[in-house]
């Protein structure tokens, strides 16, 4: 259970970093930020499922950087 919480926290930190990354277009950063809102239901997860492939295909370097910074505990 601790590993799942740690992974969820790391993923949230990485998404927050991606929402602020200037290397990603503004509209895509807005969508990532939208997925971080505490919206009831599966809406926020569905948004991430749509955005994740775009980020993975076109913005791998910013994703890699955000993941490494989230692992190191950086928030800015």
C-alpha atoms as a PDB file:
ATOM      1  CA  UNK A   1       0.000   0.000   0.000  1.00  0.00           C
ATOM      2  CA  UNK A   2       2.878   2.387   0.732  1.00  0.00           C
ATOM      3  CA  UNK A   3       4.341   1.846  -2.712  1.00  0.00           C
ATOM      4  CA  UNK A   4       1.027   2.709  -4.350  1.00  0.00           C
ATOM      5  CA  UNK A   5       0.750   5.923  -2.329  1.00  0.00           C
ATOM      6  CA  UNK A   6       4.326   6.854  -3.109  1.00  0.00           C
ATOM      7  CA  UNK A   7       3.740   6.253  -6.826  1.00  0.00           C
ATOM      8  CA  UNK A   8       0.540   8.319  -6.776  1.00  0.00           C
ATOM      9  CA  UNK A   9       2.312  11.162  -4.988  1.00  0.00           C
ATOM     10  CA  UNK A  10       5.223  11.056  -7.418  1.00  0.00           C
ATOM     11  CA  UNK A  11       2.850  11.036 -10.385  1.00  0.00           C
ATOM     12  CA  UNK A  12       0.963  14.037  -9.012  1.00  0.00           C
ATOM     13  CA  UNK A  13       4.204  15.965  -8.443  1.00  0.00           C
ATOM     14  CA  UNK A  14       5.351  15.143 -11.996  1.00  0.00           C
ATOM     15  CA  UNK A  15       2.011  16.296 -13.436  1.00  0.00           C
ATOM     16  CA  UNK A  16       2.280  19.566 -11.501  1.00  0.00           C
ATOM     17  CA  UNK A  17       5.752  20.099 -12.914  1.00  0.00           C
ATOM     18  CA  UNK A  18       4.523  19.344 -16.438  1.00  0.00           C
ATOM     19  CA  UNK A  19       1.685  21.847 -16.050  1.00  0.00           C
ATOM     20  CA  UNK A  20       4.334  24.548 -15.492  1.00  0.00           C
ATOM     21  CA  UNK A  21       6.878  23.437 -18.095  1.00  0.00           C
ATOM     22  CA  UNK A  22       7.338  26.086 -20.807  1.00  0.00           C
ATOM     23  CA  UNK A  23       8.557  23.492 -23.336  1.00  0.00           C
ATOM     24  CA  UNK A  24       5.002  22.176 -23.620  1.00  0.00           C
ATOM     25  CA  UNK A  25       2.368  24.237 -25.496  1.00  0.00           C
ATOM     26  CA  UNK A  26       0.103  26.315 -23.316  1.00  0.00           C
ATOM     27  CA  UNK A  27      -3.106  24.521 -24.338  1.00  0.00           C
ATOM     28  CA  UNK A  28      -1.606  21.161 -23.390  1.00  0.00           C
ATOM     29  CA  UNK A  29      -0.389  22.527 -20.057  1.00  0.00           C
ATOM     30  CA  UNK A  30      -3.946  23.719 -19.379  1.00  0.00           C
ATOM     31  CA  UNK A  31      -5.276  20.239 -20.051  1.00  0.00           C
ATOM     32  CA  UNK A  32      -2.690  18.703 -17.718  1.00  0.00           C
ATOM     33  CA  UNK A  33      -3.682  21.258 -15.080  1.00  0.00           C
ATOM     34  CA  UNK A  34      -7.341  20.393 -15.619  1.00  0.00           C
ATOM     35  CA  UNK A  35      -6.546  16.769 -14.885  1.00  0.00           C
ATOM     36  CA  UNK A  36      -5.131  17.789 -11.487  1.00  0.00           C
ATOM     37  CA  UNK A  37      -8.416  19.314 -10.316  1.00  0.00           C
ATOM     38  CA  UNK A  38     -10.375  17.301  -7.743  1.00  0.00           C
ATOM     39  CA  UNK A  39     -13.351  16.691 -10.025  1.00  0.00           C
ATOM     40  CA  UNK A  40     -15.651  13.906  -8.825  1.00  0.00           C
ATOM     41  CA  UNK A  41     -15.954  10.887 -11.027  1.00  0.00           C
ATOM     42  CA  UNK A  42     -13.573   9.563 -13.635  1.00  0.00           C
ATOM     43  CA  UNK A  43     -13.262  12.847 -15.576  1.00  0.00           C
ATOM     44  CA  UNK A  44      -9.753  13.750 -14.436  1.00  0.00           C
ATOM     45  CA  UNK A  45      -8.461  10.226 -15.063  1.00  0.00           C
ATOM     46  CA  UNK A  46     -10.017  10.234 -18.535  1.00  0.00           C
ATOM     47  CA  UNK A  47      -8.304  13.529 -19.331  1.00  0.00           C
ATOM     48  CA  UNK A  48      -4.954  12.051 -18.295  1.00  0.00           C
ATOM     49  CA  UNK A  49      -5.559   9.001 -20.484  1.00  0.00           C
ATOM     50  CA  UNK A  50      -6.066  11.309 -23.468  1.00  0.00           C
ATOM     51  CA  UNK A  51      -3.123  13.594 -22.680  1.00  0.00           C
ATOM     52  CA  UNK A  52      -0.562  10.958 -21.664  1.00  0.00           C
ATOM     53  CA  UNK A  53      -0.028   9.524 -25.182  1.00  0.00           C
ATOM     54  CA  UNK A  54       0.445  13.035 -26.609  1.00  0.00           C
ATOM     55  CA  UNK A  55       3.023  13.832 -23.971  1.00  0.00           C
ATOM     56  CA  UNK A  56       4.717  10.472 -24.405  1.00  0.00           C
ATOM     57  CA  UNK A  57       4.980  10.755 -28.194  1.00  0.00           C
ATOM     58  CA  UNK A  58       5.822  14.434 -28.620  1.00  0.00           C
ATOM     59  CA  UNK A  59       7.236  15.611 -25.272  1.00  0.00           C
ATOM     60  CA  UNK A  60       9.313  12.777 -23.871  1.00  0.00           C
ATOM     61  CA  UNK A  61      12.165  14.944 -22.640  1.00  0.00           C
ATOM     62  CA  UNK A  62       9.949  17.232 -20.508  1.00  0.00           C
ATOM     63  CA  UNK A  63       8.166  14.152 -19.144  1.00  0.00           C
ATOM     64  CA  UNK A  64      11.468  12.485 -18.286  1.00  0.00           C
ATOM     65  CA  UNK A  65      12.713  15.648 -16.574  1.00  0.00           C
ATOM     66  CA  UNK A  66       9.486  16.046 -14.584  1.00  0.00           C
ATOM     67  CA  UNK A  67       9.590  12.407 -13.477  1.00  0.00           C
ATOM     68  CA  UNK A  68      13.201  12.712 -12.316  1.00  0.00           C
ATOM     69  CA  UNK A  69      12.523  16.010 -10.528  1.00  0.00           C
ATOM     70  CA  UNK A  70       9.417  14.523  -8.843  1.00  0.00           C
ATOM     71  CA  UNK A  71      11.514  11.595  -7.678  1.00  0.00           C
ATOM     72  CA  UNK A  72      14.109  13.980  -6.233  1.00  0.00           C
ATOM     73  CA  UNK A  73      11.348  15.832  -4.392  1.00  0.00           C
ATOM     74  CA  UNK A  74      11.497  19.074  -6.382  1.00  0.00           C
ATOM     75  CA  UNK A  75       8.239  20.960  -6.664  1.00  0.00           C
ATOM     76  CA  UNK A  76       9.235  23.967  -8.763  1.00  0.00           C
END
